[in-house]
Amino acid sequence: MHHIESVTLDELECWHFQHGQAQLLIAKQGAQVLSYQVGDEPPIIWLNEKAQYKHGKGIRTGVPVCWPWFGNLALNPASVQAMRDSDEPASAHGLVRTREWELVEIDDAGEALHIELRLPPVEGGLPGWPHDVALTMTIRLDTQLHISLTSQNRSSIPVSISQALHSYFAVSDVRKVKVEGVDGLTYIETLDDWKRAHQAGDLTFTGETDRIYLDTPEQLSIVDPDWSRRIELTSRGSRSTVIWNPWIDKTATFSDMAADGWQRMLCIETANVMDDVITLAPGASHTLGVSIGSGRLRE
């Protein structure tokens, strides 16, 4: 059985779900998962205590949805840039994380809670993006948290998108954790003129990190010894992953993060970016997804 409660965080309408020991908080704006926690264990999805919940402003916490482009549009492949038709500056991370979504279904199937949200259609398309693409967010809560974002091209021309589930994970101290599953991968080092480099061993953190890993495997793990925990991420419809931590100096430029907030979070973003952008033929659809679970580290 589940319990659902409507809550308001400053200006934003949200829903709090409880299913068994799991608790999930979702904002109507952006269909954004804000937090995820199981029982008395530390949170799995990081809820930023300084996050700002304002209409029309991206929320720096949880799992923001970046779509139909990721990051700075000008740094996206030409096929993604060509989809936009506007002389106005392009907002970072696309157009949907600050829009109101509709909660269209809640289904308690016993062992799993199924939640579906839809981006309401806009006649003529989103501002500066005149394409008829239906967007649906499906969330399933069982022993893990499963998040899926489905894009369906209902227009008569191919449409190219880049996207990401910009997941903030809670960690005890980012300086003590490591990411497994990236050994041997090629990555783009965005902090060094977007050069391509080769990962040797697990990824650890000693400073600001902003990397795009290419041809990533389905499974990555965050190993957190201080919490004796392993967070497992299993992706679907994705061959690229962004790993990000702002560290000290960049965090100091954020009005919506505590000075030491960088220590308690790590972003591993399930994505379709760079060589992995998606082109949808008329009538075609694509689902980008991630399943998130956690377990104890073996002694």
Protein backbone atom coordinates (compact mmCIF):
# COMPACT_ATOMS: atom_id res chain seq x y z
CA MET A 1 0.00 0.00 0.00
CA HIS A 2 1.10 3.54 -0.60
CA HIS A 3 0.38 6.92 0.90
CA ILE A 4 0.34 10.15 -1.09
CA GLU A 5 0.25 13.66 0.29
CA SER A 6 0.26 17.02 -1.47
CA VAL A 7 2.84 19.40 -0.06
CA THR A 8 3.96 22.92 -0.95
CA LEU A 9 7.61 23.97 -0.91
CA ASP A 10 7.68 27.75 -1.06
CA GLU A 11 6.04 28.47 -4.46
CA LEU A 12 5.94 24.92 -5.81
CA GLU A 13 3.35 22.16 -5.59
CA CYS A 14 4.84 18.76 -4.80
CA TRP A 15 3.77 15.22 -3.93
CA HIS A 16 5.15 13.07 -1.15
CA PHE A 17 4.82 9.34 -1.75
CA GLN A 18 5.42 6.55 0.73
CA HIS A 19 5.55 2.94 -0.43
CA GLY A 20 6.68 0.47 2.20
CA GLN A 21 9.87 1.89 3.70
CA ALA A 22 10.58 4.09 0.69
CA GLN A 23 9.80 7.80 0.60
CA LEU A 24 9.79 9.85 -2.57
CA LEU A 25 9.26 13.59 -3.10
CA ILE A 26 8.36 14.88 -6.57
CA ALA A 27 7.79 18.46 -7.75
CA LYS A 28 5.06 19.23 -10.28
CA GLN A 29 7.44 21.73 -11.87
CA GLY A 30 9.76 19.77 -14.12
CA ALA A 31 8.38 16.37 -13.00
CA GLN A 32 11.45 16.50 -10.80
CA VAL A 33 12.26 13.87 -8.21
CA LEU A 34 13.50 15.92 -5.24
CA SER A 35 14.47 13.18 -2.80
CA TYR A 36 14.46 9.43 -2.32
CA GLN A 37 15.15 7.62 0.94
CA VAL A 38 14.51 4.13 2.29
CA GLY A 39 13.73 3.72 6.01
CA ASP A 40 16.33 5.16 8.36
CA GLU A 41 19.14 4.77 5.86
CA PRO A 42 20.90 7.92 4.58
CA PRO A 43 19.15 9.51 1.58
CA ILE A 44 19.99 8.09 -1.84
CA ILE A 45 18.91 11.12 -3.90
CA TRP A 46 20.30 14.31 -2.39
CA LEU A 47 17.84 16.91 -1.10
CA ASN A 48 19.75 20.18 -1.11
CA GLU A 49 18.80 22.08 2.03
CA LYS A 50 19.46 25.40 0.24
CA ALA A 51 17.45 24.60 -2.89
CA GLN A 52 15.10 27.34 -4.06
CA TYR A 53 11.56 26.39 -5.00
CA LYS A 54 10.46 29.21 -7.30
CA HIS A 55 8.19 29.27 -10.34
CA GLY A 56 10.26 29.34 -13.50
CA LYS A 57 13.60 28.63 -11.78
CA GLY A 58 15.52 25.37 -12.08
CA ILE A 59 15.80 23.49 -8.78
CA ARG A 60 19.34 22.48 -7.83
CA THR A 61 18.57 19.14 -6.20
CA GLY A 62 17.16 15.70 -6.89
CA VAL A 63 16.84 14.68 -10.55
CA PRO A 64 16.31 17.64 -12.89
CA VAL A 65 15.14 16.72 -16.41
CA CYS A 66 17.35 18.24 -19.11
CA TRP A 67 15.50 18.19 -22.49
CA PRO A 68 15.51 18.76 -25.53
CA TRP A 69 19.12 19.77 -25.10
CA PHE A 70 21.69 19.31 -22.38
CA GLY A 71 23.83 22.08 -20.92
CA ASN A 72 24.82 24.95 -23.21
CA LEU A 73 22.96 24.56 -26.51
CA ALA A 74 25.91 26.06 -28.41
CA LEU A 75 28.08 23.14 -27.28
CA ASN A 76 25.62 20.54 -28.53
CA PRO A 77 25.97 18.77 -31.90
CA ALA A 78 24.73 20.76 -34.90
CA SER A 79 21.71 18.48 -35.36
CA VAL A 80 20.41 19.43 -31.89
CA GLN A 81 21.14 23.14 -32.36
CA ALA A 82 19.26 23.11 -35.68
CA MET A 83 16.03 22.15 -33.93
CA ARG A 84 15.76 25.55 -32.25
CA ASP A 85 14.14 28.48 -34.06
CA SER A 86 14.73 31.61 -31.98
CA ASP A 87 17.08 34.60 -31.76
CA GLU A 88 16.68 34.74 -27.99
CA PRO A 89 19.46 33.31 -25.77
CA ALA A 90 18.93 29.60 -25.12
CA SER A 91 18.41 28.57 -21.52
CA ALA A 92 20.78 26.00 -20.05
CA HIS A 93 19.58 22.39 -19.95
CA GLY A 94 16.62 22.89 -22.26
CA LEU A 95 13.00 23.87 -21.79
CA VAL A 96 11.08 21.46 -19.56
CA ARG A 97 12.61 21.59 -16.07
CA THR A 98 10.73 24.80 -15.25
CA ARG A 99 7.39 23.83 -16.81
CA GLU A 100 4.36 22.44 -14.98
CA TRP A 101 3.71 18.75 -15.65
CA GLU A 102 0.50 16.77 -15.13
CA LEU A 103 0.20 13.81 -12.79
CA VAL A 104 -1.84 11.42 -14.94
CA GLU A 105 -1.62 8.06 -13.16
CA ILE A 106 -0.89 6.46 -9.81
CA ASP A 107 -1.15 2.68 -9.71
CA ASP A 108 -0.33 0.56 -6.66
CA ALA A 109 0.34 -2.92 -8.00
CA GLY A 110 1.20 -4.35 -4.59
CA GLU A 111 4.96 -4.76 -4.74
CA ALA A 112 5.42 -1.68 -6.92
CA LEU A 113 4.06 1.87 -7.08
CA HIS A 114 3.71 3.24 -10.60
CA ILE A 115 3.58 7.03 -11.18
CA GLU A 116 3.17 8.69 -14.57
CA LEU A 117 3.52 12.38 -15.41
CA ARG A 118 3.06 14.08 -18.75
CA LEU A 119 4.25 17.37 -20.17
CA PRO A 120 1.06 19.10 -21.36
CA PRO A 121 1.17 19.68 -25.12
CA VAL A 122 1.77 23.24 -26.29
CA GLU A 123 0.22 24.37 -29.58
CA GLY A 124 3.07 25.23 -31.91
CA GLY A 125 5.62 23.56 -29.65
CA LEU A 126 7.74 24.86 -26.80
CA PRO A 127 9.08 28.45 -27.00
CA GLY A 128 11.61 28.60 -29.83
CA TRP A 129 11.30 24.84 -30.37
CA PRO A 130 8.39 24.23 -32.78
CA HIS A 131 8.21 20.43 -32.76
CA ASP A 132 5.41 18.08 -31.75
CA VAL A 133 7.17 15.64 -29.43
CA ALA A 134 5.22 14.07 -26.57
CA LEU A 135 7.15 13.72 -23.30
CA THR A 136 6.22 11.29 -20.53
CA MET A 137 7.93 10.62 -17.19
CA THR A 138 7.32 7.21 -15.65
CA ILE A 139 8.47 6.43 -12.12
CA ARG A 140 8.28 3.00 -10.54
CA LEU A 141 9.04 2.41 -6.90
CA ASP A 142 9.70 -1.13 -5.68
CA THR A 143 12.96 -2.32 -4.10
CA GLN A 144 14.60 0.31 -6.30
CA LEU A 145 13.68 3.65 -7.87
CA HIS A 146 13.13 3.42 -11.64
CA ILE A 147 12.91 6.66 -13.66
CA SER A 148 12.06 6.66 -17.39
CA LEU A 149 11.70 9.59 -19.79
CA THR A 150 9.98 8.76 -23.09
CA SER A 151 10.01 11.07 -26.13
CA GLN A 152 7.62 10.34 -29.02
CA ASN A 153 7.95 12.27 -32.25
CA ARG A 154 4.46 13.10 -33.48
CA SER A 155 5.65 15.50 -36.19
CA SER A 156 6.32 14.79 -39.87
CA ILE A 157 10.08 15.45 -39.75
CA PRO A 158 13.00 13.87 -37.88
CA VAL A 159 13.78 15.56 -34.55
CA SER A 160 17.19 15.48 -32.81
CA ILE A 161 17.50 15.84 -29.04
CA SER A 162 20.10 15.61 -26.32
CA GLN A 163 18.93 14.95 -22.78
CA ALA A 164 19.85 13.84 -19.28
CA LEU A 165 18.43 12.74 -15.97
CA HIS A 166 20.68 15.08 -13.95
CA SER A 167 20.76 12.95 -10.78
CA TYR A 168 22.25 14.33 -7.56
CA PHE A 169 23.26 11.47 -5.28
CA ALA A 170 23.76 11.85 -1.53
CA VAL A 171 27.21 10.80 -0.30
CA SER A 172 28.93 10.93 3.09
CA ASP A 173 31.93 12.88 1.71
CA VAL A 174 32.67 13.06 -2.02
CA ARG A 175 36.41 13.05 -1.26
CA LYS A 176 36.08 9.51 0.10
CA VAL A 177 33.86 7.87 -2.51
CA LYS A 178 34.70 6.29 -5.85
CA VAL A 179 32.80 5.47 -9.02
CA GLU A 180 33.18 1.95 -10.39
CA GLY A 181 32.44 0.98 -13.98
CA VAL A 182 34.34 3.76 -15.77
CA ASP A 183 37.77 2.10 -15.98
CA GLY A 184 39.00 2.12 -19.57
CA LEU A 185 36.38 4.55 -20.88
CA THR A 186 37.03 7.57 -23.06
CA TYR A 187 35.76 10.84 -21.60
CA ILE A 188 35.57 14.49 -22.55
CA GLU A 189 37.33 16.71 -20.02
CA THR A 190 35.19 19.85 -20.21
CA LEU A 191 37.45 21.66 -17.74
CA ASP A 192 40.44 21.27 -20.12
CA ASP A 193 39.20 22.64 -23.43
CA TRP A 194 36.93 19.64 -24.03
CA LYS A 195 39.86 17.34 -24.73
CA ARG A 196 39.30 13.59 -24.92
CA ALA A 197 41.10 11.47 -22.34
CA HIS A 198 41.21 7.88 -21.11
CA GLN A 199 40.05 6.76 -17.67
CA ALA A 200 42.49 4.51 -15.79
CA GLY A 201 40.93 2.76 -12.80
CA ASP A 202 37.98 3.87 -10.70
CA LEU A 203 37.11 7.57 -10.54
CA THR A 204 37.92 9.40 -7.29
CA PHE A 205 37.52 13.10 -6.49
CA THR A 206 40.16 15.66 -5.54
CA GLY A 207 38.77 18.80 -7.18
CA GLU A 208 36.09 20.16 -9.48
CA THR A 209 34.93 17.44 -11.87
CA ASP A 210 32.90 17.81 -15.06
CA ARG A 211 33.36 14.91 -17.45
CA ILE A 212 31.30 13.34 -20.22
CA TYR A 213 31.97 9.60 -20.39
CA LEU A 214 31.34 7.94 -23.76
CA ASP A 215 30.14 4.43 -24.56
CA THR A 216 29.39 3.83 -20.91
CA PRO A 217 28.20 0.43 -19.67
CA GLU A 218 24.70 -0.11 -18.35
CA GLN A 219 25.86 -0.32 -14.75
CA LEU A 220 27.88 2.14 -12.67
CA SER A 221 28.33 2.19 -8.90
CA ILE A 222 29.07 4.76 -6.21
CA VAL A 223 31.09 3.13 -3.44
CA ASP A 224 30.79 5.03 -0.16
CA PRO A 225 32.90 3.45 2.64
CA ASP A 226 31.86 5.89 5.40
CA TRP A 227 28.20 4.91 4.91
CA SER A 228 29.20 1.31 4.09
CA ARG A 229 27.01 1.66 1.01
CA ARG A 230 27.06 0.96 -2.70
CA ILE A 231 24.59 2.84 -4.93
CA GLU A 232 23.95 0.89 -8.13
CA LEU A 233 22.85 2.70 -11.29
CA THR A 234 21.50 0.69 -14.22
CA SER A 235 20.81 2.76 -17.32
CA ARG A 236 18.51 2.20 -20.30
CA GLY A 237 18.62 3.91 -23.68
CA SER A 238 21.88 5.66 -22.84
CA ARG A 239 25.51 5.36 -23.95
CA SER A 240 26.82 8.54 -22.30
CA THR A 241 27.16 9.66 -18.69
CA VAL A 242 28.02 13.03 -17.17
CA ILE A 243 29.84 13.01 -13.81
CA TRP A 244 29.94 16.35 -12.01
CA ASN A 245 30.92 17.91 -8.71
CA PRO A 246 31.41 21.69 -8.41
CA TRP A 247 33.92 21.55 -5.50
CA ILE A 248 34.72 24.63 -3.41
CA ASP A 249 35.17 27.61 -5.74
CA LYS A 250 32.25 26.98 -8.08
CA THR A 251 29.93 26.20 -5.17
CA ALA A 252 30.78 29.63 -3.77
CA THR A 253 29.16 31.17 -6.86
CA PHE A 254 25.83 29.39 -6.20
CA SER A 255 23.19 31.19 -4.18
CA ASP A 256 21.27 27.93 -3.78
CA MET A 257 23.89 25.66 -2.24
CA ALA A 258 25.61 25.73 1.15
CA ALA A 259 29.35 26.44 1.09
CA ASP A 260 30.06 22.83 2.00
CA GLY A 261 27.20 21.35 -0.04
CA TRP A 262 29.63 19.99 -2.64
CA GLN A 263 30.94 17.51 -0.06
CA ARG A 264 27.55 15.81 0.32
CA MET A 265 26.59 15.29 -3.34
CA LEU A 266 27.78 13.71 -6.54
CA CYS A 267 26.02 13.98 -9.88
CA ILE A 268 26.01 10.96 -12.16
CA GLU A 269 23.76 11.89 -15.05
CA THR A 270 22.24 9.24 -17.30
CA ALA A 271 22.34 10.94 -20.68
CA ASN A 272 22.13 11.07 -24.45
CA VAL A 273 24.79 13.67 -25.28
CA MET A 274 27.60 14.34 -27.77
CA ASP A 275 28.09 11.19 -29.93
CA ASP A 276 24.99 9.71 -28.27
CA VAL A 277 22.31 12.25 -29.30
CA ILE A 278 18.95 10.82 -30.38
CA THR A 279 17.29 11.46 -33.75
CA LEU A 280 13.66 10.41 -33.79
CA ALA A 281 12.06 9.60 -37.13
CA PRO A 282 8.40 10.62 -37.51
CA GLY A 283 6.33 8.38 -35.23
CA ALA A 284 9.39 6.98 -33.42
CA SER A 285 9.97 7.06 -29.69
CA HIS A 286 12.93 6.68 -27.34
CA THR A 287 13.09 5.97 -23.62
CA LEU A 288 15.97 7.15 -21.45
CA GLY A 289 15.95 5.53 -18.03
CA VAL A 290 17.85 4.66 -14.89
CA SER A 291 17.20 2.25 -12.04
CA ILE A 292 18.69 3.24 -8.69
CA GLY A 293 19.25 0.86 -5.81
CA SER A 294 21.57 0.58 -2.84
CA GLY A 295 23.15 -2.13 -0.76
CA ARG A 296 25.63 -2.65 2.03
CA LEU A 297 29.33 -2.96 1.25
CA ARG A 298 30.77 -6.36 2.02
CA GLU A 299 33.16 -6.42 4.93
